[in-house]
PDB file of N, CA and C in Angstrom:
ATOM      1  N   MET A   1     157.141  15.737 229.415  1.00  0.00           N
ATOM      2  CA  MET A   1     156.289  15.962 228.266  1.00  0.00           C
ATOM      3  C   MET A   1     157.152  16.606 227.180  1.00  0.00           C
ATOM      4  N   THR A   2     156.966  16.113 225.979  1.00  0.00           N
ATOM      5  CA  THR A   2     157.769  16.626 224.861  1.00  0.00           C
ATOM      6  C   THR A   2     157.147  17.931 224.370  1.00  0.00           C
ATOM      7  N   LYS A   3     157.956  18.626 223.572  1.00  0.00           N
ATOM      8  CA  LYS A   3     157.477  19.897 223.002  1.00  0.00           C
ATOM      9  C   LYS A   3     156.245  19.655 222.129  1.00  0.00           C
ATOM     10  N   ASP A   4     156.231  18.559 221.404  1.00  0.00           N
ATOM     11  CA  ASP A   4     155.094  18.235 220.533  1.00  0.00           C
ATOM     12  C   ASP A   4     153.832  18.001 221.369  1.00  0.00           C
ATOM     13  N   GLU A   5     153.969  17.272 222.481  1.00  0.00           N
ATOM     14  CA  GLU A   5     152.841  17.028 223.366  1.00  0.00           C
ATOM     15  C   GLU A   5     152.354  18.325 224.013  1.00  0.00           C
ATOM     16  N   GLU A   6     153.313  19.164 224.420  1.00  0.00           N
ATOM     17  CA  GLU A   6     152.947  20.457 225.012  1.00  0.00           C
ATOM     18  C   GLU A   6     152.184  21.312 224.007  1.00  0.00           C
ATOM     19  N   SER A   7     152.613  21.259 222.763  1.00  0.00           N
ATOM     20  CA  SER A   7     151.950  22.030 221.711  1.00  0.00           C
ATOM     21  C   SER A   7     150.525  21.527 221.485  1.00  0.00           C
ATOM     22  N   LYS A   8     150.361  20.195 221.488  1.00  0.00           N
ATOM     23  CA  LYS A   8     149.033  19.619 221.316  1.00  0.00           C
ATOM     24  C   LYS A   8     148.121  20.004 222.481  1.00  0.00           C
ATOM     25  N   VAL A   9     148.628  19.949 223.701  1.00  0.00           N
ATOM     26  CA  VAL A   9     147.859  20.316 224.885  1.00  0.00           C
ATOM     27  C   VAL A   9     147.477  21.797 224.806  1.00  0.00           C
ATOM     28  N   ALA A  10     148.445  22.638 224.389  1.00  0.00           N
ATOM     29  CA  ALA A  10     148.167  24.076 224.267  1.00  0.00           C
ATOM     30  C   ALA A  10     147.086  24.315 223.211  1.00  0.00           C
ATOM     31  N   ASP A  11     147.137  23.585 222.102  1.00  0.00           N
ATOM     32  CA  ASP A  11     146.113  23.714 221.056  1.00  0.00           C
ATOM     33  C   ASP A  11     144.740  23.274 221.577  1.00  0.00           C
ATOM     34  N   ILE A  12     144.715  22.181 222.338  1.00  0.00           N
ATOM     35  CA  ILE A  12     143.461  21.694 222.900  1.00  0.00           C
ATOM     36  C   ILE A  12     142.884  22.735 223.864  1.00  0.00           C
ATOM     37  N   ILE A  13     143.746  23.316 224.685  1.00  0.00           N
ATOM     38  CA  ILE A  13     143.296  24.336 225.639  1.00  0.00           C
ATOM     39  C   ILE A  13     142.759  25.555 224.887  1.00  0.00           C
ATOM     40  N   LYS A  14     143.437  25.970 223.816  1.00  0.00           N
ATOM     41  CA  LYS A  14     142.966  27.108 223.009  1.00  0.00           C
ATOM     42  C   LYS A  14     141.615  26.789 222.384  1.00  0.00           C
ATOM     43  N   ASP A  15     141.474  25.570 221.841  1.00  0.00           N
ATOM     44  CA  ASP A  15     140.205  25.157 221.249  1.00  0.00           C
ATOM     45  C   ASP A  15     139.088  25.147 222.288  1.00  0.00           C
ATOM     46  N   MET A  16     139.391  24.638 223.479  1.00  0.00           N
ATOM     47  CA  MET A  16     138.396  24.593 224.544  1.00  0.00           C
ATOM     48  C   MET A  16     138.009  26.018 224.973  1.00  0.00           C
ATOM     49  N   ALA A  17     138.995  26.900 225.083  1.00  0.00           N
ATOM     50  CA  ALA A  17     138.710  28.287 225.467  1.00  0.00           C
ATOM     51  C   ALA A  17     137.837  28.954 224.405  1.00  0.00           C
ATOM     52  N   SER A  18     138.169  28.700 223.146  1.00  0.00           N
ATOM     53  CA  SER A  18     137.379  29.265 222.051  1.00  0.00           C
ATOM     54  C   SER A  18     135.953  28.721 222.076  1.00  0.00           C
ATOM     55  N   HIS A  19     135.828  27.429 222.329  1.00  0.00           N
ATOM     56  CA  HIS A  19     134.518  26.797 222.385  1.00  0.00           C
ATOM     57  C   HIS A  19     133.708  27.358 223.569  1.00  0.00           C
ATOM     58  N   ILE A  20     134.363  27.534 224.703  1.00  0.00           N
ATOM     59  CA  ILE A  20     133.685  28.092 225.880  1.00  0.00           C
ATOM     60  C   ILE A  20     133.205  29.515 225.583  1.00  0.00           C
ATOM     61  N   GLU A  21     134.033  30.327 224.937  1.00  0.00           N
ATOM     62  CA  GLU A  21     133.632  31.690 224.580  1.00  0.00           C
ATOM     63  C   GLU A  21     132.442  31.668 223.625  1.00  0.00           C
ATOM     64  N   SER A  22     132.471  30.744 222.682  1.00  0.00           N
ATOM     65  CA  SER A  22     131.361  30.616 221.740  1.00  0.00           C
ATOM     66  C   SER A  22     130.080  30.225 222.476  1.00  0.00           C
ATOM     67  N   LEU A  23     130.175  29.290 223.398  1.00  0.00           N
ATOM     68  CA  LEU A  23     129.017  28.875 224.181  1.00  0.00           C
ATOM     69  C   LEU A  23     128.506  30.018 225.056  1.00  0.00           C
ATOM     70  N   GLN A  24     129.401  30.816 225.598  1.00  0.00           N
ATOM     71  CA  GLN A  24     128.981  31.956 226.415  1.00  0.00           C
ATOM     72  C   GLN A  24     128.227  32.981 225.564  1.00  0.00           C
ATOM     73  N   ARG A  25     128.719  33.250 224.353  1.00  0.00           N
ATOM     74  CA  ARG A  25     128.022  34.177 223.457  1.00  0.00           C
ATOM     75  C   ARG A  25     126.644  33.632 223.092  1.00  0.00           C
ATOM     76  N   GLU A  26     126.594  32.343 222.783  1.00  0.00           N
ATOM     77  CA  GLU A  26     125.317  31.718 222.443  1.00  0.00           C
ATOM     78  C   GLU A  26     124.350  31.788 223.630  1.00  0.00           C
ATOM     79  N   ASN A  27     124.860  31.546 224.827  1.00  0.00           N
ATOM     80  CA  ASN A  27     124.041  31.620 226.031  1.00  0.00           C
ATOM     81  C   ASN A  27     123.504  33.039 226.224  1.00  0.00           C
ATOM     82  N   GLU A  28     124.331  34.047 226.019  1.00  0.00           N
ATOM     83  CA  GLU A  28     123.892  35.435 226.152  1.00  0.00           C
ATOM     84  C   GLU A  28     122.783  35.754 225.145  1.00  0.00           C
ATOM     85  N   GLU A  29     122.945  35.268 223.919  1.00  0.00           N
ATOM     86  CA  GLU A  29     121.910  35.483 222.900  1.00  0.00           C
ATOM     87  C   GLU A  29     120.601  34.794 223.287  1.00  0.00           C
ATOM     88  N   LEU A  30     120.715  33.561 223.799  1.00  0.00           N
ATOM     89  CA  LEU A  30     119.511  32.830 224.212  1.00  0.00           C
ATOM     90  C   LEU A  30     118.827  33.497 225.398  1.00  0.00           C
ATOM     91  N   VAL A  31     119.608  34.001 226.334  1.00  0.00           N
ATOM     92  CA  VAL A  31     119.031  34.705 227.484  1.00  0.00           C
ATOM     93  C   VAL A  31     118.309  35.971 227.005  1.00  0.00           C
ATOM     94  N   ALA A  32     118.931  36.695 226.077  1.00  0.00           N
ATOM     95  CA  ALA A  32     118.299  37.909 225.542  1.00  0.00           C
ATOM     96  C   ALA A  32     116.988  37.561 224.838  1.00  0.00           C
ATOM     97  N   ARG A  33     117.001  36.495 224.036  1.00  0.00           N
ATOM     98  CA  ARG A  33     115.773  36.074 223.340  1.00  0.00           C
ATOM     99  C   ARG A  33     114.708  35.629 224.338  1.00  0.00           C
ATOM    100  N   ALA A  34     115.115  34.932 225.385  1.00  0.00           N
ATOM    101  CA  ALA A  34     114.164  34.492 226.413  1.00  0.00           C
ATOM    102  C   ALA A  34     113.562  35.704 227.121  1.00  0.00           C
ATOM    103  N   ASN A  35     114.386  36.713 227.409  1.00  0.00           N
ATOM    104  CA  ASN A  35     113.878  37.928 228.053  1.00  0.00           C
ATOM    105  C   ASN A  35     112.887  38.646 227.145  1.00  0.00           C
ATOM    106  N   GLU A  36     113.174  38.687 225.848  1.00  0.00           N
ATOM    107  CA  GLU A  36     112.244  39.301 224.899  1.00  0.00           C
ATOM    108  C   GLU A  36     110.919  38.536 224.870  1.00  0.00           C
ATOM    109  N   ALA A  37     111.009  37.210 224.909  1.00  0.00           N
ATOM    110  CA  ALA A  37     109.794  36.392 224.901  1.00  0.00           C
ATOM    111  C   ALA A  37     108.976  36.631 226.165  1.00  0.00           C
ATOM    112  N   VAL A  38     109.642  36.766 227.300  1.00  0.00           N
ATOM    113  CA  VAL A  38     108.941  37.035 228.553  1.00  0.00           C
ATOM    114  C   VAL A  38     108.259  38.399 228.486  1.00  0.00           C
ATOM    115  N   GLU A  39     108.956  39.399 227.952  1.00  0.00           N
ATOM    116  CA  GLU A  39     108.371  40.735 227.816  1.00  0.00           C
ATOM    117  C   GLU A  39     107.152  40.701 226.889  1.00  0.00           C
ATOM    118  N   ALA A  40     107.259  39.970 225.790  1.00  0.00           N
ATOM    119  CA  ALA A  40     106.132  39.856 224.858  1.00  0.00           C
ATOM    120  C   ALA A  40     104.960  39.144 225.528  1.00  0.00           C
ATOM    121  N   ALA A  41     105.245  38.095 226.275  1.00  0.00           N
ATOM    122  CA  ALA A  41     104.183  37.368 226.977  1.00  0.00           C
ATOM    123  C   ALA A  41     103.519  38.265 228.017  1.00  0.00           C
ATOM    124  N   ASN A  42     104.313  39.057 228.723  1.00  0.00           N
ATOM    125  CA  ASN A  42     103.746  39.977 229.713  1.00  0.00           C
ATOM    126  C   ASN A  42     102.865  41.025 229.040  1.00  0.00           C
ATOM    127  N   ALA A  43     103.315  41.545 227.901  1.00  0.00           N
ATOM    128  CA  ALA A  43     102.522  42.532 227.169  1.00  0.00           C
ATOM    129  C   ALA A  43     101.208  41.914 226.702  1.00  0.00           C
ATOM    130  N   LEU A  44     101.263  40.680 226.220  1.00  0.00           N
ATOM    131  CA  LEU A  44     100.040  39.994 225.805  1.00  0.00           C
ATOM    132  C   LEU A  44      99.109  39.749 226.988  1.00  0.00           C
ATOM    133  N   GLN A  45      99.679  39.425 228.132  1.00  0.00           N
ATOM    134  CA  GLN A  45      98.853  39.195 229.318  1.00  0.00           C
ATOM    135  C   GLN A  45      98.154  40.479 229.732  1.00  0.00           C
ATOM    136  N   VAL A  46      98.855  41.603 229.647  1.00  0.00           N
ATOM    137  CA  VAL A  46      98.247  42.892 229.981  1.00  0.00           C
ATOM    138  C   VAL A  46      97.082  43.178 229.034  1.00  0.00           C
ATOM    139  N   ARG A  47      97.314  42.940 227.731  1.00  0.00           N
ATOM    140  CA  ARG A  47      96.248  43.164 226.748  1.00  0.00           C
ATOM    141  C   ARG A  47      95.075  42.218 226.984  1.00  0.00           C
ATOM    142  N   THR A  48      95.373  40.966 227.325  1.00  0.00           N
ATOM    143  CA  THR A  48      94.327  39.984 227.599  1.00  0.00           C
ATOM    144  C   THR A  48      93.514  40.389 228.818  1.00  0.00           C
ATOM    145  N   ASP A  49      94.201  40.817 229.865  1.00  0.00           N
ATOM    146  CA  ASP A  49      93.496  41.258 231.069  1.00  0.00           C
ATOM    147  C   ASP A  49      92.599  42.453 230.768  1.00  0.00           C
ATOM    148  N   ALA A  50      93.109  43.398 229.993  1.00  0.00           N
ATOM    149  CA  ALA A  50      92.318  44.578 229.634  1.00  0.00           C
ATOM    150  C   ALA A  50      91.094  44.173 228.811  1.00  0.00           C
ATOM    151  N   ALA A  51      91.282  43.239 227.893  1.00  0.00           N
ATOM    152  CA  ALA A  51      90.160  42.781 227.070  1.00  0.00           C
ATOM    153  C   ALA A  51      89.119  42.063 227.931  1.00  0.00           C
ATOM    154  N   GLU A  52      89.573  41.273 228.893  1.00  0.00           N
ATOM    155  CA  GLU A  52      88.637  40.580 229.775  1.00  0.00           C
ATOM    156  C   GLU A  52      87.833  41.566 230.613  1.00  0.00           C
ATOM    157  N   VAL A  53      88.493  42.610 231.092  1.00  0.00           N
ATOM    158  CA  VAL A  53      87.782  43.644 231.852  1.00  0.00           C
ATOM    159  C   VAL A  53      86.764  44.333 230.955  1.00  0.00           C
ATOM    160  N   GLU A  54      87.171  44.639 229.730  1.00  0.00           N
ATOM    161  CA  GLU A  54      86.271  45.282 228.766  1.00  0.00           C
ATOM    162  C   GLU A  54      85.042  44.410 228.512  1.00  0.00           C
ATOM    163  N   VAL A  55      85.261  43.127 228.282  1.00  0.00           N
ATOM    164  CA  VAL A  55      84.147  42.206 228.043  1.00  0.00           C
ATOM    165  C   VAL A  55      83.226  42.165 229.255  1.00  0.00           C
ATOM    166  N   MET A  56      83.812  42.134 230.440  1.00  0.00           N
ATOM    167  CA  MET A  56      83.009  42.094 231.659  1.00  0.00           C
ATOM    168  C   MET A  56      82.141  43.360 231.773  1.00  0.00           C
ATOM    169  N   HIS A  57      82.723  44.528 231.506  1.00  0.00           N
ATOM    170  CA  HIS A  57      81.962  45.772 231.585  1.00  0.00           C
ATOM    171  C   HIS A  57      80.829  45.796 230.555  1.00  0.00           C
ATOM    172  N   LEU A  58      81.141  45.367 229.345  1.00  0.00           N
ATOM    173  CA  LEU A  58      80.109  45.373 228.311  1.00  0.00           C
ATOM    174  C   LEU A  58      79.014  44.352 228.609  1.00  0.00           C
ATOM    175  N   ARG A  59      79.389  43.201 229.135  1.00  0.00           N
ATOM    176  CA  ARG A  59      78.377  42.213 229.515  1.00  0.00           C
ATOM    177  C   ARG A  59      77.470  42.777 230.598  1.00  0.00           C
ATOM    178  N   ASP A  60      78.089  43.444 231.573  1.00  0.00           N
ATOM    179  CA  ASP A  60      77.282  44.043 232.634  1.00  0.00           C
ATOM    180  C   ASP A  60      76.313  45.067 232.061  1.00  0.00           C
ATOM    181  N   ALA A  61      76.805  45.882 231.130  1.00  0.00           N
ATOM    182  CA  ALA A  61      75.965  46.926 230.545  1.00  0.00           C
ATOM    183  C   ALA A  61      74.848  46.329 229.682  1.00  0.00           C
ATOM    184  N   LEU A  62      75.157  45.249 228.986  1.00  0.00           N
ATOM    185  CA  LEU A  62      74.166  44.670 228.082  1.00  0.00           C
ATOM    186  C   LEU A  62      73.302  43.592 228.739  1.00  0.00           C
ATOM    187  N   GLU A  63      73.645  43.223 229.953  1.00  0.00           N
ATOM    188  CA  GLU A  63      72.849  42.247 230.686  1.00  0.00           C
ATOM    189  C   GLU A  63      71.419  42.758 230.890  1.00  0.00           C
ATOM    190  N   PHE A  64      71.290  44.044 230.879  1.00  0.00           N
ATOM    191  CA  PHE A  64      69.990  44.694 230.984  1.00  0.00           C
ATOM    192  C   PHE A  64      69.008  44.095 229.983  1.00  0.00           C
ATOM    193  N   TYR A  65      69.486  43.825 228.766  1.00  0.00           N
ATOM    194  CA  TYR A  65      68.606  43.325 227.705  1.00  0.00           C
ATOM    195  C   TYR A  65      68.186  41.874 227.908  1.00  0.00           C
ATOM    196  N   ALA A  66      68.866  41.142 228.768  1.00  0.00           N
ATOM    197  CA  ALA A  66      68.517  39.748 229.029  1.00  0.00           C
ATOM    198  C   ALA A  66      67.348  39.637 230.008  1.00  0.00           C
ATOM    199  N   ASN A  67      67.010  40.726 230.635  1.00  0.00           N
ATOM    200  CA  ASN A  67      65.924  40.731 231.605  1.00  0.00           C
ATOM    201  C   ASN A  67      64.584  40.810 230.871  1.00  0.00           C
ATOM    202  N   PRO A  68      63.758  39.773 230.963  1.00  0.00           N
ATOM    203  CA  PRO A  68      62.487  39.792 230.233  1.00  0.00           C
ATOM    204  C   PRO A  68      61.523  40.870 230.741  1.00  0.00           C
ATOM    205  N   GLU A  69      61.735  41.366 231.930  1.00  0.00           N
ATOM    206  CA  GLU A  69      60.859  42.394 232.495  1.00  0.00           C
ATOM    207  C   GLU A  69      60.842  43.664 231.649  1.00  0.00           C
ATOM    208  N   ILE A  70      61.947  43.960 230.980  1.00  0.00           N
ATOM    209  CA  ILE A  70      61.989  45.220 230.227  1.00  0.00           C
ATOM    210  C   ILE A  70      61.117  45.179 228.982  1.00  0.00           C
ATOM    211  N   TYR A  71      60.696  43.976 228.585  1.00  0.00           N
ATOM    212  CA  TYR A  71      59.892  43.850 227.367  1.00  0.00           C
ATOM    213  C   TYR A  71      58.392  43.773 227.661  1.00  0.00           C
ATOM    214  N   LYS A  72      58.045  43.754 228.915  1.00  0.00           N
ATOM    215  CA  LYS A  72      56.629  43.697 229.281  1.00  0.00           C
ATOM    216  C   LYS A  72      56.002  45.077 229.085  1.00  0.00           C
ATOM    217  N   PRO A  73      54.720  45.126 228.758  1.00  0.00           N
ATOM    218  CA  PRO A  73      54.040  46.423 228.636  1.00  0.00           C
ATOM    219  C   PRO A  73      54.035  47.161 229.978  1.00  0.00           C
ATOM    220  N   HIS A  74      54.051  48.470 229.905  1.00  0.00           N
ATOM    221  CA  HIS A  74      54.017  49.292 231.109  1.00  0.00           C
ATOM    222  C   HIS A  74      52.655  49.112 231.790  1.00  0.00           C
ATOM    223  N   PRO A  75      52.647  49.003 233.113  1.00  0.00           N
ATOM    224  CA  PRO A  75      51.368  48.752 233.797  1.00  0.00           C
ATOM    225  C   PRO A  75      50.364  49.904 233.671  1.00  0.00           C
ATOM    226  N   HIS A  76      50.822  51.099 233.353  1.00  0.00           N
ATOM    227  CA  HIS A  76      49.912  52.246 233.242  1.00  0.00           C
ATOM    228  C   HIS A  76      49.484  52.502 231.797  1.00  0.00           C
ATOM    229  N   GLY A  77      49.840  51.587 230.893  1.00  0.00           N
ATOM    230  CA  GLY A  77      49.384  51.725 229.515  1.00  0.00           C
ATOM    231  C   GLY A  77      50.504  52.038 228.545  1.00  0.00           C
ATOM    232  N   PRO A  78      50.189  51.952 227.244  1.00  0.00           N
ATOM    233  CA  PRO A  78      51.201  52.115 226.206  1.00  0.00           C
ATOM    234  C   PRO A  78      51.833  53.508 226.156  1.00  0.00           C
ATOM    235  N   ALA A  79      51.146  54.505 226.675  1.00  0.00           N
ATOM    236  CA  ALA A  79      51.715  55.852 226.644  1.00  0.00           C
ATOM    237  C   ALA A  79      52.980  55.944 227.493  1.00  0.00           C
ATOM    238  N   PHE A  80      53.133  55.037 228.444  1.00  0.00           N
ATOM    239  CA  PHE A  80      54.293  55.064 229.331  1.00  0.00           C
ATOM    240  C   PHE A  80      55.421  54.138 228.858  1.00  0.00           C
ATOM    241  N   ASP A  81      55.150  53.383 227.793  1.00  0.00           N
ATOM    242  CA  ASP A  81      56.168  52.452 227.276  1.00  0.00           C
ATOM    243  C   ASP A  81      57.300  53.202 226.592  1.00  0.00           C
ATOM    244  N   CYS A  82      58.462  52.758 226.863  1.00  0.00           N
ATOM    245  CA  CYS A  82      59.646  53.278 226.166  1.00  0.00           C
ATOM    246  C   CYS A  82      60.353  52.056 225.588  1.00  0.00           C
ATOM    247  N   ARG A  83      60.030  51.715 224.355  1.00  0.00           N
ATOM    248  CA  ARG A  83      60.554  50.483 223.747  1.00  0.00           C
ATOM    249  C   ARG A  83      61.932  50.672 223.120  1.00  0.00           C
ATOM    250  N   ASP A  84      62.315  51.921 222.858  1.00  0.00           N
ATOM    251  CA  ASP A  84      63.645  52.142 222.285  1.00  0.00           C
ATOM    252  C   ASP A  84      64.663  52.123 223.420  1.00  0.00           C
ATOM    253  N   LEU A  85      65.257  50.978 223.606  1.00  0.00           N
ATOM    254  CA  LEU A  85      66.214  50.802 224.685  1.00  0.00           C
ATOM    255  C   LEU A  85      67.660  50.894 224.186  1.00  0.00           C
ATOM    256  N   SER A  86      67.804  51.309 222.941  1.00  0.00           N
ATOM    257  CA  SER A  86      69.145  51.369 222.367  1.00  0.00           C
ATOM    258  C   SER A  86      70.020  52.405 223.057  1.00  0.00           C
ATOM    259  N   CYS A  87      69.403  53.353 223.762  1.00  0.00           N
ATOM    260  CA  CYS A  87      70.208  54.364 224.456  1.00  0.00           C
ATOM    261  C   CYS A  87      71.137  53.700 225.477  1.00  0.00           C
ATOM    262  N   HIS A  88      70.685  52.609 226.070  1.00  0.00           N
ATOM    263  CA  HIS A  88      71.536  51.911 227.039  1.00  0.00           C
ATOM    264  C   HIS A  88      72.763  51.312 226.356  1.00  0.00           C
ATOM    265  N   ALA A  89      72.565  50.738 225.207  1.00  0.00           N
ATOM    266  CA  ALA A  89      73.694  50.158 224.474  1.00  0.00           C
ATOM    267  C   ALA A  89      74.638  51.257 224.000  1.00  0.00           C
ATOM    268  N   ARG A  90      74.069  52.359 223.480  1.00  0.00           N
ATOM    269  CA  ARG A  90      74.928  53.460 223.008  1.00  0.00           C
ATOM    270  C   ARG A  90      75.737  54.050 224.158  1.00  0.00           C
ATOM    271  N   THR A  91      75.101  54.189 225.313  1.00  0.00           N
ATOM    272  CA  THR A  91      75.807  54.719 226.484  1.00  0.00           C
ATOM    273  C   THR A  91      76.946  53.786 226.885  1.00  0.00           C
ATOM    274  N   ALA A  92      76.679  52.484 226.895  1.00  0.00           N
ATOM    275  CA  ALA A  92      77.716  51.515 227.264  1.00  0.00           C
ATOM    276  C   ALA A  92      78.874  51.565 226.278  1.00  0.00           C
ATOM    277  N   LEU A  93      78.545  51.618 224.994  1.00  0.00           N
ATOM    278  CA  LEU A  93      79.609  51.662 223.990  1.00  0.00           C
ATOM    279  C   LEU A  93      80.395  52.964 224.074  1.00  0.00           C
ATOM    280  N   ALA A  94      79.717  54.070 224.269  1.00  0.00           N
ATOM    281  CA  ALA A  94      80.402  55.359 224.342  1.00  0.00           C
ATOM    282  C   ALA A  94      81.312  55.427 225.567  1.00  0.00           C
ATOM    283  N   SER A  95      80.873  54.845 226.661  1.00  0.00           N
ATOM    284  CA  SER A  95      81.696  54.892 227.871  1.00  0.00           C
ATOM    285  C   SER A  95      82.936  54.015 227.735  1.00  0.00           C
ATOM    286  N   ARG A  96      82.924  53.128 226.775  1.00  0.00           N
ATOM    287  CA  ARG A  96      84.078  52.253 226.535  1.00  0.00           C
ATOM    288  C   ARG A  96      84.878  52.700 225.316  1.00  0.00           C
ATOM    289  N   GLY A  97      84.581  53.867 224.779  1.00  0.00           N
ATOM    290  CA  GLY A  97      85.337  54.362 223.635  1.00  0.00           C
ATOM    291  C   GLY A  97      84.932  53.743 222.326  1.00  0.00           C
ATOM    292  N   GLY A  98      83.696  53.263 222.231  1.00  0.00           N
ATOM    293  CA  GLY A  98      83.222  52.666 220.981  1.00  0.00           C
ATOM    294  C   GLY A  98      82.974  53.706 219.920  1.00  0.00           C
ATOM    295  N   GLU A  99      82.625  53.250 218.732  1.00  0.00           N
ATOM    296  CA  GLU A  99      82.378  54.142 217.594  1.00  0.00           C
ATOM    297  C   GLU A  99      81.164  55.015 217.843  1.00  0.00           C
ATOM    298  N   HIS A 100      80.136  54.426 218.431  1.00  0.00           N
ATOM    299  CA  HIS A 100      78.893  55.155 218.629  1.00  0.00           C
ATOM    300  C   HIS A 100      79.026  56.007 219.880  1.00  0.00           C
ATOM    301  N   HIS A 101      78.377  57.106 219.878  1.00  0.00           N
ATOM    302  CA  HIS A 101      78.454  57.996 221.035  1.00  0.00           C
ATOM    303  C   HIS A 101      77.080  58.145 221.658  1.00  0.00           C
ATOM    304  N   ALA A 102      77.075  58.315 222.962  1.00  0.00           N
ATOM    305  CA  ALA A 102      75.790  58.494 223.653  1.00  0.00           C
ATOM    306  C   ALA A 102      75.149  59.787 223.203  1.00  0.00           C
ATOM    307  N   GLU A 103      73.841  59.764 223.183  1.00  0.00           N
ATOM    308  CA  GLU A 103      73.115  60.966 222.768  1.00  0.00           C
ATOM    309  C   GLU A 103      72.777  61.794 223.971  1.00  0.00           C
TER     310      GLU A 103
END
């Protein structure tokens, strides 16, 4: 191999080494970005799970109002009726850290 050929081969090897280093840096950046995306997705999943639990608790608390029995007159007469049922909603909201507080 001539000196000129050796020089060309050495240049090609240097270029390849430089390209490999560049690809390694790019790969490290992509891995870091992927890890950040995974962390963000995990954080969103935690928030989603918490919101789903919150919705479930509030639905359970407010399911009371879906029962038609609570709207029927009291069997012992109107003096026994308690039509203001908002205390149940206020209690549910207060127990979940809502704006309104239980009385």
